[in-house]
Amino acid sequence: SPVPAPPRPAATAAAMPGAKRAASKAKSAAAKAKPAPAKRQKVADPLARPIAAASAGLRDADVPAGVVAMLNAMLGSALGTLREERHAYEASVVEMVGDLLAGAERRMADELTAAEAAIGQMEESKAAKQTVVAEAEAVVEAKRAVEQEKKHLLAEDAKVFKSRKAALGEAEMALKTQERGFREAATKRDELATAQASCLKPLVSGTAGDEQSARELGDKLIGVLKRFEVDSSILSALPNVMAKPPAERGPFDTMVLAQLEVEVSKRISALDDTIHDGEAAGAAAAAAVKAAEEALSAARARQMASAEQFKAAASARQQAEAARDEAVGELAAVGPAARRNARERTIAERRLGNFRCGPLDAFLRLRDRAAEQPPAQEI
């Protein structure tokens, strides 16, 4: 049996509390002075990022979300295993994911091809619409030229109508002047012939009645003859001659009466000629008026026809401009569509490039990863 230790002295026992405190302080100081042990740094898995990239590519696969979640749960272990070390189940997972990623790549490539085809079709459509605009503009220019030609013809016909209207006015004025001259000549002829028959002949033949009646007829005759500008020497001698009976008239009186008869007959004959000529001139003036009226009517018809042609040409030009404007609008609408197609192609191109450089590239590298072969030893 072990030997019990001897009891400690009282002094030693009394000194133990102070010693314990000193030892505790020393231990604490030593603990503080001793450096803390370094924490273990986590080593990053070099396969974690490419596996995550390959797994992210499944979001573009055309499969339900549940299938994507199931494959992602198995993909890490399958791709984290070297190619030659994978068992059949892991190999089938890798093959299935590869098919899905290949399908996603084909679909993205098809989208890019479709975007490029849409751009090509848009370029063809733009070229066709530009041709339509050019042709429509040519039609507008042709219609505008026709309109200007019709406008010029209308202006010329308007001038002709104006001149024909003025000619009719002149012809009508000439006819009125001729008719007025004819009426004046006829009136003068009737007045002078009446004076000759009712005044001059009774005075010359002495059948005017008494002296008072003869003087009255003479005064009446003189009043008429003054308006016809008969020689004043005859008119001054006429009152004395008319007051004498035929038996008392001398040679001078007979000469005055004979000359007066000649003057009156001459003036009546001249008025007859004027009336005769006036009838022919009136007929000519009336014919001229009729011709002017016909010419004015024809000019009016031509002007109205030209106005209708100008109106039709203006309408055709307006329709051509409307068609041109519509074509220009359709061409302008190509711009936004072309920019939209260009954006879609850029998006499809970027998406395909990112997919190929990201998930697909990471998957292919992990899929084909094999154990490193030791370097061949030199013999």
Foldseek 3Di string as FASTA:
>chain_A
DDDDDDDDDPVVVVCVVVVVVVVVVVVVVVVVVDDDDDDDDDDDDPLPQLLVLLLVLLVLFPDDPVVSVVLNVLSVVLLVDFQVPHDPVSLVSLVVSLVRSVVSLVVLVVLLVVLVVVLVVLVVVLVVLVVVLVVLVVLLVVLVVLLVVLVVLLVVLVVLLVVLVVQLVVLVVQLVVLVVQLVVLVVLLVVLVCLCVVQLVCLQQVVQDALVSLLVSLVVSLVSVVVVVDPVVLNVCSNVLSSDGNVPDDPVSVVSSVVVVVVSVVSSVVSVVSNVVSVVVSVVSVVSSVVSVVSSVVSVVSSVVSVVSSVVSVVSSVVSVVSSVVSVVVSVVSVVVSVVSVVSSVVSVVVSVCSCVTNVVSSVCSNNGHDDDDDDDDD
